Amino acid sequence: MSSPEKSERFRPRPLPGYPRKSRMNRMTFLRTHAAEMISCDFFIVPTVKHQVLFVFLILAHDRRRVLHFHATPNPSAQWTAQQMVEAFPYVDPPRFLLRDRDHIYGPAFHQRVTALGIEQILTAPRSPWQNPYVERLIGSIRRECLDHVIVMNERHLKKVLRSYFSYYHGWRTHQALDMDAPDRRAVHPAGEVIEIPEVGGLHHHYERRAA
């Protein structure tokens, strides 16, 4: 979902400390502020009955953790704004939110995010490369999970995604994390290597069974 907004109220400001219109400087900004930045985006999933479901994701940049997700057939600005509140019920929100210019992020969303004390960083129109971490995550979800599953309904989709995110956080390695998982993996003692299925057998992880 990447249609440009018409309202001047959502015109992006220059990145703090960096000149406008610089792709390299934007990536430098993302790396420098990874510990205090999140990004969000939507992607769509068709069901076996041809219903279209919209999945909303919030991703933390530092450890590539999925902080929150939800799915609905009828997203609205109010619904999307509420997801931001549900993502941070007991902890302080991060400093920056990176997002695109879709109309779904309307006044209700803008007001709620501002009330949380989060500064919004907008991508340029039709420039998904400016929101690389969440775009890469969506691609991984499709290639590693949803492309191999027939989604029955909203409840089934949420169950599948919860299973995938459990594997993603605990076992899926990332080059940016020095081949670690978002949730740091413990060092296993010596012993027999066993294979454990994940995501209904789509993936596996390997552990050492204590002797």
N, C-alpha and C. Protein backbone atom coordinates (compact mmCIF):
# COMPACT_ATOMS: atom_id res chain seq x y z
N MET A 1 0.85 -1.19 0.00
CA MET A 1 0.00 0.00 0.00
C MET A 1 0.89 1.24 0.00
N SER A 2 0.99 1.89 -1.13
CA SER A 2 1.99 2.95 -1.22
C SER A 2 1.52 4.15 -2.01
N SER A 3 0.18 4.40 -2.06
CA SER A 3 -0.30 5.57 -2.79
C SER A 3 0.05 6.83 -2.03
N PRO A 4 0.48 7.90 -2.73
CA PRO A 4 0.90 9.13 -2.05
C PRO A 4 -0.28 9.88 -1.46
N GLU A 5 -0.07 10.53 -0.36
CA GLU A 5 -1.09 11.35 0.25
C GLU A 5 -1.14 12.71 -0.44
N LYS A 6 -2.31 13.32 -0.42
CA LYS A 6 -2.48 14.62 -1.03
C LYS A 6 -2.30 15.74 -0.02
N SER A 7 -2.50 15.42 1.26
CA SER A 7 -2.47 16.47 2.27
C SER A 7 -1.05 16.96 2.51
N GLU A 8 -0.89 18.28 2.60
CA GLU A 8 0.41 18.85 2.89
C GLU A 8 0.82 18.63 4.34
N ARG A 9 -0.14 18.24 5.19
CA ARG A 9 0.19 18.03 6.59
C ARG A 9 1.16 16.86 6.79
N PHE A 10 1.21 15.97 5.82
CA PHE A 10 2.03 14.79 5.96
C PHE A 10 3.28 14.87 5.10
N ARG A 11 3.69 16.08 4.75
CA ARG A 11 4.93 16.26 3.99
C ARG A 11 6.11 15.86 4.88
N PRO A 12 6.99 14.97 4.41
CA PRO A 12 8.10 14.55 5.27
C PRO A 12 9.09 15.66 5.53
N ARG A 13 9.61 15.68 6.72
CA ARG A 13 10.65 16.64 7.08
C ARG A 13 12.02 16.05 6.79
N PRO A 14 13.03 16.89 6.64
CA PRO A 14 14.37 16.35 6.42
C PRO A 14 14.80 15.50 7.61
N LEU A 15 15.59 14.48 7.34
CA LEU A 15 16.10 13.65 8.42
C LEU A 15 16.95 14.49 9.34
N PRO A 16 16.81 14.32 10.65
CA PRO A 16 17.57 15.15 11.59
C PRO A 16 19.07 15.04 11.35
N GLY A 17 19.69 16.17 11.03
CA GLY A 17 21.13 16.18 10.85
C GLY A 17 21.60 15.75 9.49
N TYR A 18 20.66 15.48 8.54
CA TYR A 18 21.05 15.01 7.22
C TYR A 18 20.32 15.82 6.16
N PRO A 19 20.95 16.11 5.04
CA PRO A 19 20.28 16.86 3.98
C PRO A 19 19.20 16.02 3.31
N ARG A 20 18.21 16.70 2.75
CA ARG A 20 17.12 16.03 2.05
C ARG A 20 17.62 15.42 0.73
N LYS A 21 16.86 14.42 0.23
CA LYS A 21 17.07 13.81 -1.08
C LYS A 21 18.45 13.15 -1.18
N SER A 22 18.77 12.35 -0.22
CA SER A 22 20.02 11.61 -0.28
C SER A 22 19.77 10.18 0.14
N ARG A 23 19.83 9.24 -0.81
CA ARG A 23 19.57 7.85 -0.49
C ARG A 23 20.62 7.31 0.46
N MET A 24 21.88 7.61 0.25
CA MET A 24 22.93 7.11 1.13
C MET A 24 22.76 7.64 2.54
N ASN A 25 22.42 8.94 2.67
CA ASN A 25 22.24 9.52 3.99
C ASN A 25 21.03 8.93 4.70
N ARG A 26 19.98 8.59 3.96
CA ARG A 26 18.82 7.95 4.59
C ARG A 26 19.21 6.60 5.17
N MET A 27 19.97 5.80 4.42
CA MET A 27 20.39 4.51 4.93
C MET A 27 21.32 4.66 6.12
N THR A 28 22.17 5.67 6.07
CA THR A 28 23.03 5.95 7.22
C THR A 28 22.19 6.30 8.45
N PHE A 29 21.15 7.09 8.23
CA PHE A 29 20.24 7.45 9.32
C PHE A 29 19.58 6.21 9.91
N LEU A 30 19.13 5.31 9.05
CA LEU A 30 18.47 4.10 9.54
C LEU A 30 19.41 3.25 10.38
N ARG A 31 20.66 3.12 9.93
CA ARG A 31 21.62 2.32 10.69
C ARG A 31 22.00 3.00 12.00
N THR A 32 22.16 4.32 11.96
CA THR A 32 22.60 5.05 13.15
C THR A 32 21.54 5.01 14.24
N HIS A 33 20.27 5.09 13.86
CA HIS A 33 19.18 5.18 14.83
C HIS A 33 18.40 3.87 14.94
N ALA A 34 19.01 2.75 14.60
CA ALA A 34 18.30 1.47 14.60
C ALA A 34 17.73 1.15 15.97
N ALA A 35 18.44 1.48 17.04
CA ALA A 35 18.00 1.12 18.39
C ALA A 35 16.75 1.88 18.82
N GLU A 36 16.43 2.98 18.16
CA GLU A 36 15.28 3.79 18.56
C GLU A 36 14.29 3.98 17.42
N MET A 37 14.27 3.03 16.48
CA MET A 37 13.41 3.18 15.31
C MET A 37 12.59 1.91 15.07
N ILE A 38 11.36 2.13 14.63
CA ILE A 38 10.49 1.05 14.18
C ILE A 38 9.98 1.41 12.79
N SER A 39 9.44 0.43 12.09
CA SER A 39 8.78 0.70 10.82
C SER A 39 7.49 -0.11 10.77
N CYS A 40 6.57 0.31 9.93
CA CYS A 40 5.30 -0.40 9.81
C CYS A 40 4.89 -0.44 8.35
N ASP A 41 4.05 -1.42 8.05
CA ASP A 41 3.55 -1.54 6.68
C ASP A 41 2.42 -2.55 6.65
N PHE A 42 1.67 -2.54 5.56
CA PHE A 42 0.61 -3.50 5.29
C PHE A 42 1.05 -4.43 4.17
N PHE A 43 0.51 -5.64 4.18
CA PHE A 43 0.53 -6.49 2.99
C PHE A 43 -0.78 -7.27 2.95
N ILE A 44 -1.15 -7.74 1.78
CA ILE A 44 -2.44 -8.41 1.61
C ILE A 44 -2.25 -9.91 1.43
N VAL A 45 -3.26 -10.65 1.89
CA VAL A 45 -3.25 -12.11 1.79
C VAL A 45 -4.62 -12.55 1.32
N PRO A 46 -4.75 -13.22 0.17
CA PRO A 46 -6.04 -13.75 -0.27
C PRO A 46 -6.34 -15.09 0.42
N THR A 47 -7.61 -15.34 0.68
CA THR A 47 -8.02 -16.60 1.28
C THR A 47 -8.57 -17.55 0.21
N VAL A 48 -8.86 -18.76 0.63
CA VAL A 48 -9.36 -19.76 -0.31
C VAL A 48 -10.72 -19.37 -0.87
N LYS A 49 -11.46 -18.53 -0.14
CA LYS A 49 -12.76 -18.06 -0.60
C LYS A 49 -12.68 -16.68 -1.26
N HIS A 50 -11.47 -16.29 -1.66
CA HIS A 50 -11.23 -15.06 -2.39
C HIS A 50 -11.49 -13.80 -1.55
N GLN A 51 -11.44 -13.92 -0.26
CA GLN A 51 -11.48 -12.75 0.60
C GLN A 51 -10.07 -12.19 0.71
N VAL A 52 -9.94 -10.87 0.74
CA VAL A 52 -8.64 -10.23 0.87
C VAL A 52 -8.47 -9.75 2.31
N LEU A 53 -7.41 -10.23 2.96
CA LEU A 53 -7.10 -9.83 4.32
C LEU A 53 -5.89 -8.91 4.31
N PHE A 54 -5.91 -7.89 5.14
CA PHE A 54 -4.81 -6.94 5.27
C PHE A 54 -4.08 -7.21 6.57
N VAL A 55 -2.78 -7.42 6.46
CA VAL A 55 -1.94 -7.67 7.63
C VAL A 55 -1.09 -6.44 7.89
N PHE A 56 -1.14 -5.97 9.13
CA PHE A 56 -0.36 -4.81 9.56
C PHE A 56 0.77 -5.28 10.45
N LEU A 57 1.99 -4.81 10.16
CA LEU A 57 3.19 -5.21 10.90
C LEU A 57 3.87 -4.01 11.51
N ILE A 58 4.44 -4.20 12.70
CA ILE A 58 5.33 -3.22 13.29
C ILE A 58 6.64 -3.93 13.62
N LEU A 59 7.73 -3.44 13.05
CA LEU A 59 9.03 -4.09 13.17
C LEU A 59 10.02 -3.19 13.90
N ALA A 60 10.73 -3.74 14.88
CA ALA A 60 11.82 -3.02 15.54
C ALA A 60 13.10 -3.24 14.76
N HIS A 61 13.83 -2.18 14.46
CA HIS A 61 15.00 -2.28 13.60
C HIS A 61 16.21 -2.92 14.28
N ASP A 62 16.37 -2.70 15.59
CA ASP A 62 17.64 -3.10 16.20
C ASP A 62 17.86 -4.61 16.15
N ARG A 63 16.88 -5.42 16.56
CA ARG A 63 17.01 -6.88 16.52
C ARG A 63 16.06 -7.51 15.53
N ARG A 64 15.46 -6.70 14.67
CA ARG A 64 14.54 -7.20 13.62
C ARG A 64 13.37 -7.97 14.24
N ARG A 65 12.88 -7.53 15.38
CA ARG A 65 11.79 -8.22 16.05
C ARG A 65 10.45 -7.66 15.58
N VAL A 66 9.49 -8.56 15.39
CA VAL A 66 8.12 -8.16 15.07
C VAL A 66 7.44 -7.81 16.39
N LEU A 67 7.20 -6.54 16.61
CA LEU A 67 6.62 -6.09 17.88
C LEU A 67 5.12 -6.33 17.94
N HIS A 68 4.48 -6.28 16.77
CA HIS A 68 3.02 -6.40 16.77
C HIS A 68 2.56 -6.73 15.36
N PHE A 69 1.51 -7.54 15.26
CA PHE A 69 0.86 -7.75 13.97
C PHE A 69 -0.62 -8.00 14.22
N HIS A 70 -1.41 -7.69 13.22
CA HIS A 70 -2.85 -7.96 13.28
C HIS A 70 -3.35 -8.05 11.85
N ALA A 71 -4.50 -8.70 11.67
CA ALA A 71 -5.09 -8.85 10.34
C ALA A 71 -6.56 -8.50 10.39
N THR A 72 -7.06 -7.94 9.31
CA THR A 72 -8.46 -7.56 9.21
C THR A 72 -8.87 -7.48 7.74
N PRO A 73 -10.14 -7.75 7.43
CA PRO A 73 -10.58 -7.55 6.05
C PRO A 73 -10.92 -6.10 5.73
N ASN A 74 -11.07 -5.27 6.77
CA ASN A 74 -11.51 -3.89 6.55
C ASN A 74 -10.67 -2.93 7.40
N PRO A 75 -9.46 -2.63 6.98
CA PRO A 75 -8.64 -1.69 7.77
C PRO A 75 -9.16 -0.26 7.64
N SER A 76 -8.95 0.52 8.68
CA SER A 76 -9.31 1.93 8.68
C SER A 76 -8.21 2.69 9.40
N ALA A 77 -8.27 4.02 9.31
CA ALA A 77 -7.27 4.83 9.99
C ALA A 77 -7.38 4.65 11.50
N GLN A 78 -8.62 4.54 12.03
CA GLN A 78 -8.81 4.35 13.45
C GLN A 78 -8.26 2.99 13.90
N TRP A 79 -8.52 1.95 13.10
CA TRP A 79 -8.02 0.61 13.42
C TRP A 79 -6.50 0.59 13.42
N THR A 80 -5.91 1.23 12.42
CA THR A 80 -4.45 1.27 12.32
C THR A 80 -3.84 2.04 13.47
N ALA A 81 -4.47 3.14 13.86
CA ALA A 81 -3.98 3.92 15.00
C ALA A 81 -4.04 3.10 16.28
N GLN A 82 -5.09 2.30 16.44
CA GLN A 82 -5.21 1.48 17.64
C GLN A 82 -4.12 0.42 17.71
N GLN A 83 -3.64 -0.06 16.56
CA GLN A 83 -2.56 -1.05 16.56
C GLN A 83 -1.29 -0.46 17.15
N MET A 84 -1.04 0.81 16.92
CA MET A 84 0.14 1.45 17.50
C MET A 84 0.05 1.48 19.02
N VAL A 85 -1.13 1.73 19.54
CA VAL A 85 -1.32 1.74 20.99
C VAL A 85 -1.13 0.35 21.56
N GLU A 86 -1.68 -0.66 20.89
CA GLU A 86 -1.58 -2.03 21.38
C GLU A 86 -0.15 -2.56 21.31
N ALA A 87 0.67 -2.00 20.45
CA ALA A 87 2.05 -2.46 20.32
C ALA A 87 2.90 -2.04 21.51
N PHE A 88 2.52 -0.98 22.21
CA PHE A 88 3.33 -0.46 23.31
C PHE A 88 2.46 -0.23 24.56
N PRO A 89 1.86 -1.29 25.09
CA PRO A 89 0.96 -1.09 26.23
C PRO A 89 1.68 -0.80 27.54
N TYR A 90 2.88 -1.37 27.74
CA TYR A 90 3.56 -1.26 29.02
C TYR A 90 4.98 -0.72 28.91
N VAL A 91 5.42 -0.38 27.72
CA VAL A 91 6.78 0.11 27.54
C VAL A 91 6.74 1.44 26.80
N ASP A 92 7.80 2.21 26.96
CA ASP A 92 7.89 3.47 26.24
C ASP A 92 8.07 3.21 24.75
N PRO A 93 7.37 3.92 23.89
CA PRO A 93 7.53 3.72 22.44
C PRO A 93 8.88 4.24 21.98
N PRO A 94 9.32 3.81 20.81
CA PRO A 94 10.59 4.30 20.27
C PRO A 94 10.47 5.75 19.80
N ARG A 95 11.58 6.28 19.37
CA ARG A 95 11.63 7.70 19.01
C ARG A 95 11.11 7.96 17.60
N PHE A 96 11.42 7.05 16.65
CA PHE A 96 11.08 7.28 15.25
C PHE A 96 10.21 6.15 14.70
N LEU A 97 9.30 6.50 13.80
CA LEU A 97 8.50 5.55 13.03
C LEU A 97 8.72 5.82 11.56
N LEU A 98 9.16 4.82 10.83
CA LEU A 98 9.35 4.92 9.38
C LEU A 98 8.15 4.28 8.69
N ARG A 99 7.53 5.01 7.78
CA ARG A 99 6.35 4.49 7.08
C ARG A 99 6.23 5.12 5.71
N ASP A 100 5.31 4.55 4.90
CA ASP A 100 5.05 5.14 3.59
C ASP A 100 3.92 6.15 3.70
N ARG A 101 3.40 6.59 2.53
CA ARG A 101 2.43 7.69 2.51
C ARG A 101 1.01 7.24 2.22
N ASP A 102 0.70 6.00 2.52
CA ASP A 102 -0.64 5.50 2.22
C ASP A 102 -1.71 6.31 2.95
N HIS A 103 -2.89 6.41 2.32
CA HIS A 103 -4.00 7.17 2.90
C HIS A 103 -4.48 6.59 4.22
N ILE A 104 -4.19 5.33 4.49
CA ILE A 104 -4.63 4.71 5.74
C ILE A 104 -4.03 5.41 6.95
N TYR A 105 -2.86 6.02 6.76
CA TYR A 105 -2.21 6.75 7.85
C TYR A 105 -2.73 8.19 7.85
N GLY A 106 -4.02 8.32 8.11
CA GLY A 106 -4.65 9.62 8.05
C GLY A 106 -4.57 10.39 9.35
N PRO A 107 -5.44 11.40 9.54
CA PRO A 107 -5.37 12.25 10.74
C PRO A 107 -5.49 11.46 12.05
N ALA A 108 -6.35 10.44 12.09
CA ALA A 108 -6.50 9.66 13.32
C ALA A 108 -5.20 8.96 13.69
N PHE A 109 -4.54 8.40 12.69
CA PHE A 109 -3.26 7.74 12.93
C PHE A 109 -2.21 8.76 13.35
N HIS A 110 -2.15 9.86 12.62
CA HIS A 110 -1.15 10.90 12.90
C HIS A 110 -1.30 11.44 14.34
N GLN A 111 -2.53 11.67 14.76
CA GLN A 111 -2.76 12.20 16.10
C GLN A 111 -2.36 11.20 17.18
N ARG A 112 -2.67 9.93 16.95
CA ARG A 112 -2.34 8.91 17.94
C ARG A 112 -0.84 8.72 18.07
N VAL A 113 -0.14 8.67 16.94
CA VAL A 113 1.30 8.51 16.97
C VAL A 113 1.98 9.72 17.61
N THR A 114 1.50 10.90 17.29
CA THR A 114 2.06 12.11 17.89
C THR A 114 1.85 12.11 19.40
N ALA A 115 0.68 11.65 19.84
CA ALA A 115 0.40 11.59 21.27
C ALA A 115 1.33 10.61 21.98
N LEU A 116 1.79 9.59 21.28
CA LEU A 116 2.74 8.64 21.86
C LEU A 116 4.15 9.20 21.92
N GLY A 117 4.37 10.36 21.30
CA GLY A 117 5.70 10.96 21.30
C GLY A 117 6.62 10.41 20.24
N ILE A 118 6.06 9.83 19.19
CA ILE A 118 6.86 9.23 18.12
C ILE A 118 6.94 10.20 16.95
N GLU A 119 8.14 10.40 16.44
CA GLU A 119 8.35 11.24 15.26
C GLU A 119 8.26 10.38 14.01
N GLN A 120 7.46 10.80 13.03
CA GLN A 120 7.26 10.02 11.82
C GLN A 120 8.25 10.43 10.73
N ILE A 121 8.88 9.44 10.12
CA ILE A 121 9.76 9.64 8.97
C ILE A 121 9.08 9.00 7.77
N LEU A 122 8.72 9.79 6.77
CA LEU A 122 7.97 9.31 5.62
C LEU A 122 8.91 9.00 4.46
N THR A 123 8.59 7.95 3.73
CA THR A 123 9.33 7.63 2.53
C THR A 123 8.81 8.48 1.38
N ALA A 124 9.58 8.57 0.32
CA ALA A 124 9.13 9.25 -0.89
C ALA A 124 8.05 8.41 -1.58
N PRO A 125 7.21 9.03 -2.39
CA PRO A 125 6.17 8.26 -3.08
C PRO A 125 6.77 7.15 -3.94
N ARG A 126 6.15 5.98 -3.87
CA ARG A 126 6.53 4.82 -4.69
C ARG A 126 8.01 4.48 -4.54
N SER A 127 8.49 4.52 -3.31
CA SER A 127 9.91 4.23 -3.05
C SER A 127 10.03 3.21 -1.91
N PRO A 128 9.63 1.96 -2.13
CA PRO A 128 9.68 0.97 -1.05
C PRO A 128 11.08 0.70 -0.54
N TRP A 129 12.12 0.98 -1.38
CA TRP A 129 13.49 0.75 -0.91
C TRP A 129 13.85 1.64 0.27
N GLN A 130 13.09 2.72 0.49
CA GLN A 130 13.37 3.60 1.62
C GLN A 130 12.84 3.04 2.95
N ASN A 131 12.09 1.97 2.88
CA ASN A 131 11.62 1.27 4.09
C ASN A 131 12.08 -0.18 3.99
N PRO A 132 13.40 -0.42 3.98
CA PRO A 132 13.92 -1.73 3.55
C PRO A 132 13.69 -2.87 4.52
N TYR A 133 13.73 -2.60 5.81
CA TYR A 133 13.68 -3.71 6.77
C TYR A 133 12.31 -4.37 6.80
N VAL A 134 11.24 -3.57 6.85
CA VAL A 134 9.92 -4.18 6.87
C VAL A 134 9.56 -4.77 5.51
N GLU A 135 10.03 -4.15 4.41
CA GLU A 135 9.79 -4.72 3.09
C GLU A 135 10.48 -6.08 2.95
N ARG A 136 11.69 -6.18 3.48
CA ARG A 136 12.40 -7.46 3.44
C ARG A 136 11.69 -8.50 4.28
N LEU A 137 11.16 -8.09 5.44
CA LEU A 137 10.42 -9.02 6.28
C LEU A 137 9.18 -9.55 5.56
N ILE A 138 8.44 -8.66 4.90
CA ILE A 138 7.25 -9.10 4.17
C ILE A 138 7.62 -10.09 3.08
N GLY A 139 8.72 -9.83 2.38
CA GLY A 139 9.19 -10.77 1.36
C GLY A 139 9.53 -12.12 1.97
N SER A 140 10.16 -12.13 3.13
CA SER A 140 10.49 -13.39 3.80
C SER A 140 9.24 -14.13 4.22
N ILE A 141 8.24 -13.42 4.74
CA ILE A 141 6.99 -14.07 5.14
C ILE A 141 6.34 -14.75 3.94
N ARG A 142 6.36 -14.09 2.80
CA ARG A 142 5.74 -14.67 1.62
C ARG A 142 6.53 -15.89 1.13
N ARG A 143 7.85 -15.73 0.96
CA ARG A 143 8.66 -16.81 0.40
C ARG A 143 8.75 -18.02 1.32
N GLU A 144 8.86 -17.76 2.62
CA GLU A 144 9.14 -18.84 3.56
C GLU A 144 7.90 -19.41 4.22
N CYS A 145 6.74 -18.76 4.02
CA CYS A 145 5.54 -19.24 4.71
C CYS A 145 4.30 -19.21 3.82
N LEU A 146 3.81 -18.02 3.51
CA LEU A 146 2.49 -17.90 2.90
C LEU A 146 2.42 -18.45 1.48
N ASP A 147 3.54 -18.46 0.75
CA ASP A 147 3.54 -19.03 -0.60
C ASP A 147 3.32 -20.55 -0.56
N HIS A 148 3.42 -21.15 0.61
CA HIS A 148 3.28 -22.60 0.75
C HIS A 148 2.04 -22.99 1.53
N VAL A 149 1.17 -22.02 1.81
CA VAL A 149 0.00 -22.27 2.64
C VAL A 149 -1.25 -21.74 1.95
N ILE A 150 -2.34 -22.51 2.00
CA ILE A 150 -3.64 -22.03 1.55
C ILE A 150 -4.37 -21.49 2.77
N VAL A 151 -4.56 -20.19 2.81
CA VAL A 151 -5.18 -19.54 3.97
C VAL A 151 -6.69 -19.71 3.89
N MET A 152 -7.27 -20.21 4.97
CA MET A 152 -8.70 -20.47 4.99
C MET A 152 -9.50 -19.22 5.36
N ASN A 153 -9.07 -18.54 6.41
CA ASN A 153 -9.81 -17.37 6.90
C ASN A 153 -8.89 -16.55 7.79
N GLU A 154 -9.43 -15.51 8.39
CA GLU A 154 -8.63 -14.62 9.23
C GLU A 154 -8.03 -15.35 10.42
N ARG A 155 -8.82 -16.19 11.07
CA ARG A 155 -8.31 -16.94 12.22
C ARG A 155 -7.16 -17.85 11.84
N HIS A 156 -7.28 -18.52 10.70
CA HIS A 156 -6.22 -19.41 10.23
C HIS A 156 -4.96 -18.62 9.89
N LEU A 157 -5.12 -17.47 9.26
CA LEU A 157 -3.97 -16.65 8.91
C LEU A 157 -3.20 -16.23 10.16
N LYS A 158 -3.90 -15.79 11.18
CA LYS A 158 -3.24 -15.37 12.41
C LYS A 158 -2.49 -16.54 13.06
N LYS A 159 -3.07 -17.72 13.02
CA LYS A 159 -2.41 -18.90 13.58
C LYS A 159 -1.14 -19.22 12.82
N VAL A 160 -1.19 -19.15 11.49
CA VAL A 160 -0.01 -19.42 10.67
C VAL A 160 1.08 -18.39 10.94
N LEU A 161 0.71 -17.12 11.01
CA LEU A 161 1.70 -16.08 11.24
C LEU A 161 2.31 -16.18 12.64
N ARG A 162 1.51 -16.51 13.64
CA ARG A 162 2.07 -16.70 14.99
C ARG A 162 3.10 -17.82 14.99
N SER A 163 2.81 -18.90 14.28
CA SER A 163 3.76 -20.01 14.19
C SER A 163 5.03 -19.58 13.48
N TYR A 164 4.89 -18.84 12.39
CA TYR A 164 6.08 -18.38 11.65
C TYR A 164 6.90 -17.42 12.49
N PHE A 165 6.26 -16.50 13.17
CA PHE A 165 7.01 -15.52 13.97
C PHE A 165 7.72 -16.18 15.14
N SER A 166 7.15 -17.24 15.68
CA SER A 166 7.85 -17.99 16.72
C SER A 166 9.16 -18.56 16.19
N TYR A 167 9.09 -19.14 14.99
CA TYR A 167 10.31 -19.64 14.34
C TYR A 167 11.24 -18.49 13.98
N TYR A 168 10.70 -17.42 13.43
CA TYR A 168 11.48 -16.27 12.98
C TYR A 168 12.27 -15.67 14.15
N HIS A 169 11.62 -15.48 15.28
CA HIS A 169 12.29 -14.86 16.42
C HIS A 169 13.30 -15.78 17.10
N GLY A 170 12.98 -17.06 17.16
CA GLY A 170 13.83 -17.97 17.92
C GLY A 170 14.93 -18.65 17.16
N TRP A 171 14.76 -18.82 15.82
CA TRP A 171 15.70 -19.67 15.09
C TRP A 171 16.17 -19.14 13.76
N ARG A 172 15.43 -18.26 13.13
CA ARG A 172 15.84 -17.80 11.80
C ARG A 172 17.01 -16.83 11.93
N THR A 173 18.09 -17.12 11.24
CA THR A 173 19.29 -16.30 11.35
C THR A 173 19.22 -15.10 10.40
N HIS A 174 19.98 -14.06 10.77
CA HIS A 174 20.03 -12.82 9.99
C HIS A 174 21.49 -12.42 9.83
N GLN A 175 21.87 -12.09 8.62
CA GLN A 175 23.24 -11.63 8.39
C GLN A 175 23.54 -10.36 9.18
N ALA A 176 22.55 -9.47 9.29
CA ALA A 176 22.77 -8.22 10.01
C ALA A 176 22.97 -8.44 11.50
N LEU A 177 22.58 -9.62 12.01
CA LEU A 177 22.74 -9.94 13.43
C LEU A 177 23.88 -10.95 13.63
N ASP A 178 24.83 -10.97 12.68
CA ASP A 178 25.96 -11.91 12.77
C ASP A 178 25.48 -13.35 12.85
N MET A 179 24.47 -13.65 12.02
CA MET A 179 23.89 -14.99 11.90
C MET A 179 23.24 -15.46 13.19
N ASP A 180 22.76 -14.52 14.00
CA ASP A 180 21.98 -14.86 15.18
C ASP A 180 20.51 -14.62 14.85
N ALA A 181 19.62 -15.06 15.74
CA ALA A 181 18.19 -14.82 15.60
C ALA A 181 17.81 -13.56 16.37
N PRO A 182 16.63 -12.99 16.09
CA PRO A 182 16.21 -11.80 16.85
C PRO A 182 16.22 -12.02 18.36
N ASP A 183 15.74 -13.17 18.81
CA ASP A 183 15.89 -13.55 20.22
C ASP A 183 17.18 -14.35 20.31
N ARG A 184 18.14 -13.85 21.02
CA ARG A 184 19.47 -14.47 21.04
C ARG A 184 19.38 -15.94 21.44
N ARG A 185 20.09 -16.78 20.69
CA ARG A 185 20.05 -18.22 20.93
C ARG A 185 21.10 -18.63 21.95
N ALA A 186 20.73 -19.55 22.81
CA ALA A 186 21.67 -20.05 23.82
C ALA A 186 22.63 -21.04 23.18
N VAL A 187 23.82 -21.16 23.78
CA VAL A 187 24.80 -22.14 23.33
C VAL A 187 24.42 -23.50 23.91
N HIS A 188 24.29 -24.50 23.06
CA HIS A 188 23.86 -25.81 23.50
C HIS A 188 25.05 -26.67 23.91
N PRO A 189 24.87 -27.52 24.91
CA PRO A 189 25.95 -28.43 25.30
C PRO A 189 26.18 -29.49 24.24
N ALA A 190 27.29 -30.18 24.35
CA ALA A 190 27.61 -31.25 23.41
C ALA A 190 26.58 -32.36 23.55
N GLY A 191 26.29 -33.01 22.45
CA GLY A 191 25.33 -34.11 22.45
C GLY A 191 24.84 -34.40 21.06
N GLU A 192 23.91 -35.31 20.95
CA GLU A 192 23.34 -35.71 19.66
C GLU A 192 22.52 -34.57 19.07
N VAL A 193 22.71 -34.32 17.78
CA VAL A 193 21.94 -33.27 17.08
C VAL A 193 20.59 -33.83 16.68
N ILE A 194 19.52 -33.14 17.05
CA ILE A 194 18.17 -33.58 16.69
C ILE A 194 17.50 -32.49 15.86
N GLU A 195 16.59 -32.91 15.01
CA GLU A 195 15.86 -32.00 14.12
C GLU A 195 14.46 -31.78 14.66
N ILE A 196 14.02 -30.54 14.75
CA ILE A 196 12.71 -30.20 15.28
C ILE A 196 11.95 -29.38 14.24
N PRO A 197 10.77 -29.84 13.81
CA PRO A 197 10.01 -29.11 12.78
C PRO A 197 9.43 -27.81 13.31
N GLU A 198 9.33 -26.82 12.42
CA GLU A 198 8.73 -25.53 12.72
C GLU A 198 7.75 -25.16 11.62
N VAL A 199 6.76 -24.35 11.96
CA VAL A 199 5.76 -23.84 11.01
C VAL A 199 5.11 -25.01 10.26
N GLY A 200 4.67 -26.00 11.00
CA GLY A 200 4.01 -27.14 10.39
C GLY A 200 4.90 -27.97 9.50
N GLY A 201 6.20 -27.93 9.72
CA GLY A 201 7.14 -28.71 8.92
C GLY A 201 7.74 -27.95 7.76
N LEU A 202 7.33 -26.69 7.54
CA LEU A 202 7.94 -25.89 6.46
C LEU A 202 9.41 -25.63 6.73
N HIS A 203 9.76 -25.49 7.99
CA HIS A 203 11.14 -25.22 8.40
C HIS A 203 11.51 -26.14 9.55
N HIS A 204 12.78 -26.19 9.83
CA HIS A 204 13.28 -27.00 10.94
C HIS A 204 14.38 -26.23 11.66
N HIS A 205 14.54 -26.53 12.93
CA HIS A 205 15.74 -26.06 13.62
C HIS A 205 16.41 -27.27 14.26
N TYR A 206 17.65 -27.09 14.63
CA TYR A 206 18.46 -28.19 15.11
C TYR A 206 19.03 -27.85 16.49
N GLU A 207 18.92 -28.82 17.38
CA GLU A 207 19.41 -28.66 18.74
C GLU A 207 20.27 -29.86 19.11
N ARG A 208 21.08 -29.66 20.12
CA ARG A 208 21.85 -30.79 20.65
C ARG A 208 21.13 -31.33 21.90
N ARG A 209 20.86 -32.61 21.88
CA ARG A 209 20.26 -33.27 23.03
C ARG A 209 21.35 -33.61 24.04
N ALA A 210 21.14 -33.17 25.27
CA ALA A 210 22.15 -33.42 26.30
C ALA A 210 22.41 -34.91 26.46
N ALA A 211 23.68 -35.28 26.58
CA ALA A 211 24.04 -36.70 26.69
C ALA A 211 23.58 -37.25 28.04
